[in-house]
Amino acid sequence: MRRRTLIATVGAVVGTGIGTAAYTSASVTRSATINVSADDTALVQLTPSADFSQITKDGGGQLSISFSSLNGGSEFVFGDATSPNTTYAFSLTPSEGNDVTFSYTLTNSDLDGGNPNVQFDVYSWDDTNTQAVDEATASEESSGTFTATAGTTYYVVLTIDTTNVDTSTTDLSGTLTITA
């Protein structure tokens, strides 16, 4: 009887030890398919308006915003906040309903340090009430986040304000980051 108890005890201890040791390290390989596409066919579609020649698709199909020389002491608005569904800088259409965050970072420091110089206002369009709905605002001063609905088109109005900048030293170039 003692022999059976000893064998059962040793078997249980060895089995537990082997079972634990078997899962201390594992290697699992999975394949991933990751395709890259142009901005107007991606998961978050970015489509430039035909209204503004400075906002286009580049050779790789990516959204490009390029202004070579804007007057100082001025404000430039690309789009219409009251009717963004007809006049906008570019549109954004997500394929999934996720939070979308817009942020803009200047390549150089913010020289005027006060008012936003480059601002992106995101709107949706309410067909029932025929009015724009303000979803988010982003600039070099702050980012903006909104919850997007899959397949809904959002319209972006771009404002560039050069009223308080030194035209001899200011460069408002930067990076627009859209995270979804």
N, C-alpha and C. Protein backbone atom coordinates (compact mmCIF):
# COMPACT_ATOMS: atom_id res chain seq x y z
N MET A 1 0.81 -1.18 0.00
CA MET A 1 0.00 0.00 0.00
C MET A 1 0.86 1.25 0.00
N ARG A 2 1.94 1.19 0.80
CA ARG A 2 2.83 2.33 0.84
C ARG A 2 3.50 2.54 -0.51
N ARG A 3 3.80 1.44 -1.18
CA ARG A 3 4.44 1.56 -2.49
C ARG A 3 3.52 2.28 -3.46
N ARG A 4 2.23 1.95 -3.48
CA ARG A 4 1.27 2.61 -4.36
C ARG A 4 1.14 4.09 -4.01
N THR A 5 1.10 4.40 -2.75
CA THR A 5 1.01 5.79 -2.32
C THR A 5 2.24 6.56 -2.75
N LEU A 6 3.42 5.95 -2.60
CA LEU A 6 4.66 6.59 -3.00
C LEU A 6 4.68 6.82 -4.51
N ILE A 7 4.30 5.82 -5.29
CA ILE A 7 4.29 5.95 -6.75
C ILE A 7 3.29 7.02 -7.17
N ALA A 8 2.12 7.05 -6.57
CA ALA A 8 1.10 8.04 -6.91
C ALA A 8 1.58 9.45 -6.55
N THR A 9 2.24 9.58 -5.40
CA THR A 9 2.75 10.88 -4.98
C THR A 9 3.85 11.35 -5.91
N VAL A 10 4.81 10.48 -6.23
CA VAL A 10 5.90 10.83 -7.13
C VAL A 10 5.33 11.17 -8.51
N GLY A 11 4.38 10.40 -8.98
CA GLY A 11 3.75 10.65 -10.28
C GLY A 11 3.05 12.00 -10.30
N ALA A 12 2.38 12.35 -9.25
CA ALA A 12 1.68 13.64 -9.18
C ALA A 12 2.67 14.80 -9.16
N VAL A 13 3.74 14.66 -8.39
CA VAL A 13 4.75 15.72 -8.31
C VAL A 13 5.47 15.87 -9.64
N VAL A 14 5.89 14.78 -10.25
CA VAL A 14 6.59 14.83 -11.53
C VAL A 14 5.66 15.39 -12.61
N GLY A 15 4.41 14.95 -12.63
CA GLY A 15 3.44 15.44 -13.63
C GLY A 15 3.20 16.93 -13.49
N THR A 16 3.11 17.42 -12.28
CA THR A 16 2.92 18.85 -12.06
C THR A 16 4.14 19.62 -12.48
N GLY A 17 5.31 19.11 -12.14
CA GLY A 17 6.56 19.78 -12.52
C GLY A 17 6.73 19.84 -14.02
N ILE A 18 6.46 18.77 -14.71
CA ILE A 18 6.59 18.75 -16.16
C ILE A 18 5.54 19.65 -16.79
N GLY A 19 4.32 19.59 -16.28
CA GLY A 19 3.25 20.43 -16.83
C GLY A 19 3.57 21.91 -16.69
N THR A 20 4.12 22.32 -15.57
CA THR A 20 4.48 23.71 -15.36
C THR A 20 5.65 24.11 -16.25
N ALA A 21 6.63 23.25 -16.35
CA ALA A 21 7.81 23.55 -17.15
C ALA A 21 7.46 23.66 -18.63
N ALA A 22 6.47 22.96 -19.08
CA ALA A 22 6.12 22.95 -20.50
C ALA A 22 5.59 24.31 -20.97
N TYR A 23 5.11 25.14 -20.08
CA TYR A 23 4.51 26.42 -20.48
C TYR A 23 5.31 27.64 -20.04
N THR A 24 6.55 27.46 -19.68
CA THR A 24 7.34 28.63 -19.31
C THR A 24 7.82 29.40 -20.52
N SER A 25 7.83 28.77 -21.67
CA SER A 25 8.26 29.45 -22.88
C SER A 25 7.49 28.88 -24.06
N ALA A 26 7.03 29.77 -24.90
CA ALA A 26 6.30 29.32 -26.09
C ALA A 26 6.65 30.24 -27.24
N SER A 27 6.62 29.69 -28.42
CA SER A 27 6.85 30.48 -29.62
C SER A 27 5.71 30.20 -30.59
N VAL A 28 4.99 31.23 -30.94
CA VAL A 28 3.86 31.08 -31.83
C VAL A 28 4.08 31.99 -33.02
N THR A 29 3.94 31.46 -34.20
CA THR A 29 4.12 32.25 -35.42
C THR A 29 2.78 32.38 -36.13
N ARG A 30 2.42 33.60 -36.47
CA ARG A 30 1.20 33.86 -37.22
C ARG A 30 1.54 34.74 -38.40
N SER A 31 0.79 34.59 -39.44
CA SER A 31 1.04 35.46 -40.60
C SER A 31 0.18 36.71 -40.48
N ALA A 32 0.65 37.78 -41.05
CA ALA A 32 -0.09 39.04 -41.06
C ALA A 32 -0.05 39.60 -42.47
N THR A 33 -1.18 40.08 -42.90
CA THR A 33 -1.25 40.73 -44.19
C THR A 33 -1.53 42.20 -43.94
N ILE A 34 -0.61 43.05 -44.34
CA ILE A 34 -0.75 44.48 -44.11
C ILE A 34 -0.55 45.17 -45.44
N ASN A 35 -1.63 45.68 -45.97
CA ASN A 35 -1.55 46.39 -47.24
C ASN A 35 -1.58 47.89 -47.00
N VAL A 36 -0.86 48.61 -47.76
CA VAL A 36 -0.85 50.07 -47.68
C VAL A 36 -1.52 50.59 -48.93
N SER A 37 -2.39 51.58 -48.75
CA SER A 37 -3.10 52.12 -49.90
C SER A 37 -3.09 53.64 -49.85
N ALA A 38 -3.53 54.23 -50.92
CA ALA A 38 -3.61 55.69 -51.00
C ALA A 38 -4.63 56.20 -49.98
N ASP A 39 -4.50 57.47 -49.60
CA ASP A 39 -5.37 58.04 -48.57
C ASP A 39 -6.85 57.99 -48.92
N ASP A 40 -7.19 58.04 -50.19
CA ASP A 40 -8.61 58.06 -50.54
C ASP A 40 -9.23 56.66 -50.60
N THR A 41 -8.45 55.60 -50.33
CA THR A 41 -8.98 54.24 -50.28
C THR A 41 -8.56 53.51 -49.01
N ALA A 42 -7.99 54.20 -48.05
CA ALA A 42 -7.48 53.58 -46.82
C ALA A 42 -8.60 53.40 -45.80
N LEU A 43 -8.26 52.83 -44.64
CA LEU A 43 -9.24 52.65 -43.56
C LEU A 43 -9.81 53.98 -43.10
N VAL A 44 -8.98 55.00 -43.09
CA VAL A 44 -9.44 56.37 -42.86
C VAL A 44 -9.18 57.11 -44.16
N GLN A 45 -10.23 57.31 -44.92
CA GLN A 45 -10.08 57.94 -46.24
C GLN A 45 -9.94 59.45 -46.09
N LEU A 46 -8.90 60.00 -46.69
CA LEU A 46 -8.67 61.44 -46.72
C LEU A 46 -8.78 61.88 -48.17
N THR A 47 -9.74 62.75 -48.45
CA THR A 47 -9.99 63.17 -49.83
C THR A 47 -9.93 64.68 -49.92
N PRO A 48 -9.01 65.22 -50.71
CA PRO A 48 -8.93 66.68 -50.85
C PRO A 48 -10.12 67.22 -51.64
N SER A 49 -10.52 68.44 -51.30
CA SER A 49 -11.56 69.13 -52.05
C SER A 49 -10.99 69.57 -53.39
N ALA A 50 -11.82 69.62 -54.39
CA ALA A 50 -11.39 70.11 -55.70
C ALA A 50 -11.34 71.63 -55.73
N ASP A 51 -11.80 72.28 -54.66
CA ASP A 51 -11.91 73.74 -54.63
C ASP A 51 -10.58 74.47 -54.42
N PHE A 52 -9.58 73.80 -53.85
CA PHE A 52 -8.34 74.49 -53.48
C PHE A 52 -7.13 73.77 -54.07
N SER A 53 -6.39 74.46 -54.90
CA SER A 53 -5.24 73.85 -55.57
C SER A 53 -4.08 73.57 -54.62
N GLN A 54 -4.08 74.16 -53.44
CA GLN A 54 -3.00 73.95 -52.47
C GLN A 54 -3.18 72.66 -51.66
N ILE A 55 -4.37 72.06 -51.75
CA ILE A 55 -4.67 70.85 -51.00
C ILE A 55 -4.99 69.76 -52.03
N THR A 56 -4.06 68.82 -52.18
CA THR A 56 -4.16 67.83 -53.26
C THR A 56 -3.71 66.46 -52.77
N LYS A 57 -3.66 65.52 -53.70
CA LYS A 57 -3.01 64.23 -53.45
C LYS A 57 -1.65 64.30 -54.12
N ASP A 58 -0.62 63.81 -53.43
CA ASP A 58 0.71 63.77 -54.05
C ASP A 58 0.82 62.54 -54.95
N GLY A 59 1.99 62.31 -55.50
CA GLY A 59 2.20 61.19 -56.41
C GLY A 59 1.94 59.83 -55.80
N GLY A 60 2.04 59.72 -54.48
CA GLY A 60 1.78 58.46 -53.79
C GLY A 60 0.35 58.33 -53.31
N GLY A 61 -0.51 59.27 -53.69
CA GLY A 61 -1.90 59.23 -53.28
C GLY A 61 -2.15 59.73 -51.88
N GLN A 62 -1.16 60.40 -51.27
CA GLN A 62 -1.33 60.92 -49.92
C GLN A 62 -1.76 62.38 -49.96
N LEU A 63 -2.56 62.77 -48.97
CA LEU A 63 -3.02 64.14 -48.85
C LEU A 63 -1.82 65.06 -48.70
N SER A 64 -1.81 66.14 -49.46
CA SER A 64 -0.70 67.10 -49.41
C SER A 64 -1.28 68.50 -49.25
N ILE A 65 -0.79 69.23 -48.24
CA ILE A 65 -1.19 70.61 -48.01
C ILE A 65 0.06 71.45 -48.19
N SER A 66 0.06 72.33 -49.19
CA SER A 66 1.28 73.06 -49.52
C SER A 66 0.97 74.50 -49.92
N PHE A 67 1.49 75.43 -49.12
CA PHE A 67 1.36 76.85 -49.40
C PHE A 67 2.77 77.42 -49.48
N SER A 68 3.13 77.97 -50.61
CA SER A 68 4.50 78.44 -50.78
C SER A 68 4.73 79.81 -50.17
N SER A 69 3.73 80.68 -50.18
CA SER A 69 3.95 82.02 -49.66
C SER A 69 2.61 82.68 -49.34
N LEU A 70 2.31 82.77 -48.06
CA LEU A 70 1.09 83.44 -47.62
C LEU A 70 1.43 84.82 -47.09
N ASN A 71 0.55 85.77 -47.32
CA ASN A 71 0.76 87.13 -46.84
C ASN A 71 0.72 87.17 -45.32
N GLY A 72 1.57 87.98 -44.73
CA GLY A 72 1.53 88.22 -43.29
C GLY A 72 0.35 89.12 -42.97
N GLY A 73 -0.05 89.13 -41.71
CA GLY A 73 -1.14 89.99 -41.29
C GLY A 73 -2.48 89.60 -41.89
N SER A 74 -2.67 88.33 -42.19
CA SER A 74 -3.89 87.89 -42.87
C SER A 74 -4.43 86.61 -42.24
N GLU A 75 -5.66 86.30 -42.62
CA GLU A 75 -6.26 85.04 -42.23
C GLU A 75 -6.80 84.37 -43.49
N PHE A 76 -6.45 83.10 -43.66
CA PHE A 76 -6.87 82.34 -44.83
C PHE A 76 -7.74 81.18 -44.35
N VAL A 77 -8.94 81.08 -44.90
CA VAL A 77 -9.86 80.02 -44.51
C VAL A 77 -10.17 79.18 -45.74
N PHE A 78 -9.90 77.89 -45.63
CA PHE A 78 -10.14 76.95 -46.72
C PHE A 78 -11.31 76.06 -46.32
N GLY A 79 -12.49 76.48 -46.72
CA GLY A 79 -13.73 75.80 -46.38
C GLY A 79 -14.70 76.79 -45.78
N ASP A 80 -15.90 76.31 -45.49
CA ASP A 80 -16.96 77.16 -44.96
C ASP A 80 -17.57 76.45 -43.75
N ALA A 81 -17.43 77.04 -42.58
CA ALA A 81 -17.91 76.42 -41.35
C ALA A 81 -19.43 76.29 -41.32
N THR A 82 -20.15 77.13 -42.07
CA THR A 82 -21.61 77.02 -42.08
C THR A 82 -22.11 76.00 -43.09
N SER A 83 -21.34 75.74 -44.13
CA SER A 83 -21.69 74.74 -45.15
C SER A 83 -20.48 73.88 -45.50
N PRO A 84 -19.91 73.19 -44.51
CA PRO A 84 -18.69 72.42 -44.79
C PRO A 84 -18.93 71.25 -45.73
N ASN A 85 -20.16 70.82 -45.88
CA ASN A 85 -20.44 69.70 -46.77
C ASN A 85 -20.29 70.08 -48.24
N THR A 86 -20.27 71.37 -48.54
CA THR A 86 -20.08 71.81 -49.93
C THR A 86 -18.74 72.49 -50.15
N THR A 87 -18.19 73.14 -49.13
CA THR A 87 -16.90 73.82 -49.26
C THR A 87 -16.03 73.43 -48.07
N TYR A 88 -14.98 72.66 -48.34
CA TYR A 88 -14.11 72.14 -47.29
C TYR A 88 -12.70 71.98 -47.84
N ALA A 89 -11.72 71.90 -46.94
CA ALA A 89 -10.33 71.69 -47.35
C ALA A 89 -10.12 70.24 -47.78
N PHE A 90 -10.55 69.33 -46.93
CA PHE A 90 -10.52 67.90 -47.26
C PHE A 90 -11.56 67.20 -46.41
N SER A 91 -11.91 66.00 -46.82
CA SER A 91 -12.87 65.22 -46.05
C SER A 91 -12.19 63.98 -45.49
N LEU A 92 -12.81 63.44 -44.46
CA LEU A 92 -12.32 62.25 -43.78
C LEU A 92 -13.49 61.29 -43.66
N THR A 93 -13.31 60.05 -44.10
CA THR A 93 -14.36 59.04 -43.98
C THR A 93 -13.74 57.78 -43.38
N PRO A 94 -14.03 57.50 -42.09
CA PRO A 94 -13.48 56.30 -41.47
C PRO A 94 -14.31 55.07 -41.84
N SER A 95 -13.65 53.93 -41.98
CA SER A 95 -14.37 52.69 -42.29
C SER A 95 -14.88 52.00 -41.03
N GLU A 96 -14.40 52.44 -39.87
CA GLU A 96 -14.85 51.88 -38.60
C GLU A 96 -15.19 53.01 -37.65
N GLY A 97 -16.10 52.74 -36.72
CA GLY A 97 -16.49 53.74 -35.73
C GLY A 97 -15.55 53.76 -34.56
N ASN A 98 -14.56 54.61 -34.59
CA ASN A 98 -13.58 54.73 -33.51
C ASN A 98 -13.42 56.20 -33.14
N ASP A 99 -12.73 56.43 -32.03
CA ASP A 99 -12.34 57.80 -31.72
C ASP A 99 -11.30 58.24 -32.73
N VAL A 100 -11.43 59.46 -33.20
CA VAL A 100 -10.48 60.03 -34.15
C VAL A 100 -9.86 61.25 -33.49
N THR A 101 -8.53 61.31 -33.48
CA THR A 101 -7.82 62.44 -32.89
C THR A 101 -7.02 63.15 -33.97
N PHE A 102 -7.17 64.47 -34.02
CA PHE A 102 -6.40 65.33 -34.91
C PHE A 102 -5.39 66.07 -34.06
N SER A 103 -4.15 66.16 -34.52
CA SER A 103 -3.17 67.02 -33.86
C SER A 103 -2.26 67.61 -34.93
N TYR A 104 -1.73 68.79 -34.65
CA TYR A 104 -0.83 69.46 -35.58
C TYR A 104 0.38 69.94 -34.80
N THR A 105 1.54 69.56 -35.26
CA THR A 105 2.79 69.94 -34.60
C THR A 105 3.62 70.77 -35.57
N LEU A 106 4.01 71.96 -35.13
CA LEU A 106 4.86 72.81 -35.97
C LEU A 106 6.25 72.22 -36.05
N THR A 107 6.87 72.33 -37.21
CA THR A 107 8.25 71.89 -37.38
C THR A 107 9.17 72.74 -36.51
N ASN A 108 8.92 74.04 -36.49
CA ASN A 108 9.68 74.97 -35.64
C ASN A 108 8.82 75.33 -34.45
N SER A 109 9.34 76.11 -33.52
CA SER A 109 8.56 76.49 -32.35
C SER A 109 7.47 77.49 -32.73
N ASP A 110 6.45 77.57 -31.89
CA ASP A 110 5.35 78.50 -32.09
C ASP A 110 5.83 79.89 -31.70
N LEU A 111 6.13 80.70 -32.68
CA LEU A 111 6.76 81.99 -32.43
C LEU A 111 5.85 83.02 -31.78
N ASP A 112 4.55 82.99 -32.10
CA ASP A 112 3.70 84.00 -31.47
C ASP A 112 3.16 83.50 -30.14
N GLY A 113 3.16 82.18 -29.92
CA GLY A 113 2.84 81.60 -28.62
C GLY A 113 1.45 81.87 -28.10
N GLY A 114 0.58 82.46 -28.84
CA GLY A 114 -0.74 82.78 -28.32
C GLY A 114 -1.84 82.12 -29.11
N ASN A 115 -2.30 82.79 -30.12
CA ASN A 115 -3.40 82.27 -30.92
C ASN A 115 -2.92 81.17 -31.86
N PRO A 116 -3.80 80.21 -32.13
CA PRO A 116 -3.42 79.18 -33.11
C PRO A 116 -3.18 79.79 -34.48
N ASN A 117 -2.11 79.38 -35.12
CA ASN A 117 -1.82 79.85 -36.47
C ASN A 117 -2.35 78.90 -37.53
N VAL A 118 -2.37 77.62 -37.23
CA VAL A 118 -2.88 76.62 -38.15
C VAL A 118 -3.93 75.82 -37.39
N GLN A 119 -5.16 75.88 -37.88
CA GLN A 119 -6.26 75.24 -37.16
C GLN A 119 -7.10 74.39 -38.11
N PHE A 120 -7.42 73.19 -37.65
CA PHE A 120 -8.27 72.26 -38.40
C PHE A 120 -9.57 72.09 -37.63
N ASP A 121 -10.69 72.48 -38.24
CA ASP A 121 -12.01 72.31 -37.64
C ASP A 121 -12.71 71.17 -38.37
N VAL A 122 -13.18 70.19 -37.60
CA VAL A 122 -13.83 69.01 -38.18
C VAL A 122 -15.33 69.13 -37.94
N TYR A 123 -16.10 68.93 -39.02
CA TYR A 123 -17.55 69.03 -38.96
C TYR A 123 -18.20 67.79 -39.56
N SER A 124 -19.36 67.46 -39.03
CA SER A 124 -20.23 66.50 -39.71
C SER A 124 -21.42 67.32 -40.22
N TRP A 125 -22.23 66.71 -41.05
CA TRP A 125 -23.37 67.43 -41.61
C TRP A 125 -24.65 66.73 -41.18
N ASP A 126 -25.56 67.49 -40.56
CA ASP A 126 -26.85 66.99 -40.12
C ASP A 126 -27.86 67.25 -41.23
N ASP A 127 -28.21 66.21 -41.99
CA ASP A 127 -29.16 66.37 -43.10
C ASP A 127 -30.56 66.74 -42.62
N THR A 128 -30.95 66.24 -41.46
CA THR A 128 -32.29 66.51 -40.94
C THR A 128 -32.49 68.00 -40.67
N ASN A 129 -31.51 68.61 -40.01
CA ASN A 129 -31.61 70.03 -39.66
C ASN A 129 -30.84 70.93 -40.62
N THR A 130 -30.27 70.33 -41.66
CA THR A 130 -29.43 71.03 -42.64
C THR A 130 -28.47 72.03 -41.98
N GLN A 131 -27.65 71.47 -41.09
CA GLN A 131 -26.66 72.31 -40.41
C GLN A 131 -25.39 71.53 -40.10
N ALA A 132 -24.32 72.29 -39.95
CA ALA A 132 -23.03 71.70 -39.60
C ALA A 132 -22.99 71.41 -38.10
N VAL A 133 -22.33 70.31 -37.75
CA VAL A 133 -22.14 69.95 -36.36
C VAL A 133 -20.64 69.96 -36.09
N ASP A 134 -20.20 70.81 -35.16
CA ASP A 134 -18.79 70.93 -34.81
C ASP A 134 -18.37 69.68 -34.04
N GLU A 135 -17.42 68.92 -34.60
CA GLU A 135 -16.98 67.67 -33.97
C GLU A 135 -15.69 67.85 -33.17
N ALA A 136 -14.72 68.56 -33.72
CA ALA A 136 -13.42 68.71 -33.05
C ALA A 136 -12.64 69.86 -33.68
N THR A 137 -11.71 70.39 -32.91
CA THR A 137 -10.80 71.43 -33.39
C THR A 137 -9.40 71.06 -32.95
N ALA A 138 -8.45 71.20 -33.86
CA ALA A 138 -7.05 70.91 -33.54
C ALA A 138 -6.18 72.01 -34.13
N SER A 139 -5.11 72.33 -33.42
CA SER A 139 -4.14 73.33 -33.88
C SER A 139 -2.80 72.98 -33.26
N GLU A 140 -1.82 73.87 -33.45
CA GLU A 140 -0.54 73.63 -32.80
C GLU A 140 -0.64 73.85 -31.29
N GLU A 141 -1.75 74.42 -30.83
CA GLU A 141 -1.96 74.67 -29.40
C GLU A 141 -2.61 73.47 -28.69
N SER A 142 -3.46 72.71 -29.40
CA SER A 142 -4.17 71.60 -28.77
C SER A 142 -4.68 70.63 -29.82
N SER A 143 -4.90 69.39 -29.38
CA SER A 143 -5.45 68.38 -30.28
C SER A 143 -6.95 68.30 -30.06
N GLY A 144 -7.64 67.65 -30.98
CA GLY A 144 -9.08 67.49 -30.86
C GLY A 144 -9.47 66.05 -31.16
N THR A 145 -10.43 65.53 -30.39
CA THR A 145 -10.87 64.15 -30.55
C THR A 145 -12.38 64.10 -30.68
N PHE A 146 -12.87 63.24 -31.56
CA PHE A 146 -14.30 63.01 -31.67
C PHE A 146 -14.54 61.54 -31.95
N THR A 147 -15.76 61.08 -31.67
CA THR A 147 -16.12 59.70 -31.94
C THR A 147 -16.78 59.64 -33.31
N ALA A 148 -16.13 58.95 -34.22
CA ALA A 148 -16.61 58.89 -35.60
C ALA A 148 -17.57 57.72 -35.79
N THR A 149 -18.46 57.88 -36.74
CA THR A 149 -19.37 56.82 -37.15
C THR A 149 -18.84 56.24 -38.45
N ALA A 150 -18.76 54.93 -38.52
CA ALA A 150 -18.23 54.27 -39.72
C ALA A 150 -19.01 54.68 -40.95
N GLY A 151 -18.28 55.02 -42.01
CA GLY A 151 -18.90 55.38 -43.28
C GLY A 151 -19.43 56.80 -43.37
N THR A 152 -19.38 57.54 -42.29
CA THR A 152 -19.84 58.93 -42.31
C THR A 152 -18.70 59.83 -42.77
N THR A 153 -19.01 60.78 -43.63
CA THR A 153 -17.99 61.71 -44.11
C THR A 153 -17.96 62.92 -43.18
N TYR A 154 -16.76 63.28 -42.77
CA TYR A 154 -16.52 64.46 -41.94
C TYR A 154 -15.74 65.45 -42.78
N TYR A 155 -16.03 66.72 -42.60
CA TYR A 155 -15.45 67.77 -43.44
C TYR A 155 -14.51 68.62 -42.60
N VAL A 156 -13.34 68.91 -43.15
CA VAL A 156 -12.32 69.66 -42.42
C VAL A 156 -12.16 71.03 -43.07
N VAL A 157 -12.29 72.06 -42.23
CA VAL A 157 -12.05 73.44 -42.65
C VAL A 157 -10.70 73.84 -42.07
N LEU A 158 -9.81 74.32 -42.91
CA LEU A 158 -8.46 74.71 -42.50
C LEU A 158 -8.36 76.23 -42.44
N THR A 159 -7.89 76.75 -41.30
CA THR A 159 -7.67 78.18 -41.14
C THR A 159 -6.20 78.41 -40.85
N ILE A 160 -5.59 79.32 -41.60
CA ILE A 160 -4.19 79.70 -41.37
C ILE A 160 -4.19 81.19 -41.04
N ASP A 161 -3.73 81.52 -39.84
CA ASP A 161 -3.75 82.89 -39.34
C ASP A 161 -2.32 83.42 -39.25
N THR A 162 -2.02 84.43 -40.04
CA THR A 162 -0.67 85.02 -40.03
C THR A 162 -0.68 86.44 -39.47
N THR A 163 -1.73 86.81 -38.72
CA THR A 163 -1.86 88.20 -38.26
C THR A 163 -0.78 88.60 -37.26
N ASN A 164 -0.31 87.71 -36.43
CA ASN A 164 0.66 88.09 -35.40
C ASN A 164 2.00 87.39 -35.56
N VAL A 165 2.39 87.11 -36.79
CA VAL A 165 3.66 86.41 -36.99
C VAL A 165 4.66 87.32 -37.69
N ASP A 166 5.91 87.08 -37.42
CA ASP A 166 7.00 87.81 -38.07
C ASP A 166 7.25 87.14 -39.42
N THR A 167 6.91 87.83 -40.50
CA THR A 167 7.02 87.25 -41.83
C THR A 167 8.46 86.94 -42.24
N SER A 168 9.43 87.55 -41.59
CA SER A 168 10.82 87.29 -41.97
C SER A 168 11.38 86.00 -41.36
N THR A 169 10.74 85.50 -40.30
CA THR A 169 11.29 84.32 -39.62
C THR A 169 10.30 83.17 -39.45
N THR A 170 9.03 83.40 -39.66
CA THR A 170 8.03 82.39 -39.34
C THR A 170 7.86 81.36 -40.44
N ASP A 171 7.83 80.11 -40.02
CA ASP A 171 7.52 78.99 -40.89
C ASP A 171 6.46 78.17 -40.17
N LEU A 172 5.27 78.09 -40.73
CA LEU A 172 4.17 77.39 -40.08
C LEU A 172 4.06 75.93 -40.54
N SER A 173 5.08 75.44 -41.22
CA SER A 173 5.09 74.04 -41.67
C SER A 173 5.03 73.12 -40.46
N GLY A 174 4.43 71.97 -40.65
CA GLY A 174 4.33 71.03 -39.55
C GLY A 174 3.81 69.69 -40.00
N THR A 175 3.35 68.92 -39.02
CA THR A 175 2.86 67.58 -39.27
C THR A 175 1.44 67.46 -38.74
N LEU A 176 0.52 67.10 -39.62
CA LEU A 176 -0.85 66.80 -39.22
C LEU A 176 -0.91 65.30 -38.95
N THR A 177 -1.34 64.93 -37.75
CA THR A 177 -1.46 63.53 -37.39
C THR A 177 -2.93 63.23 -37.12
N ILE A 178 -3.44 62.22 -37.81
CA ILE A 178 -4.82 61.79 -37.61
C ILE A 178 -4.75 60.35 -37.11
N THR A 179 -5.24 60.14 -35.90
CA THR A 179 -5.18 58.83 -35.27
C THR A 179 -6.60 58.30 -35.12
N ALA A 180 -6.82 57.08 -35.58
CA ALA A 180 -8.15 56.48 -35.46
C ALA A 180 -8.04 55.07 -34.95
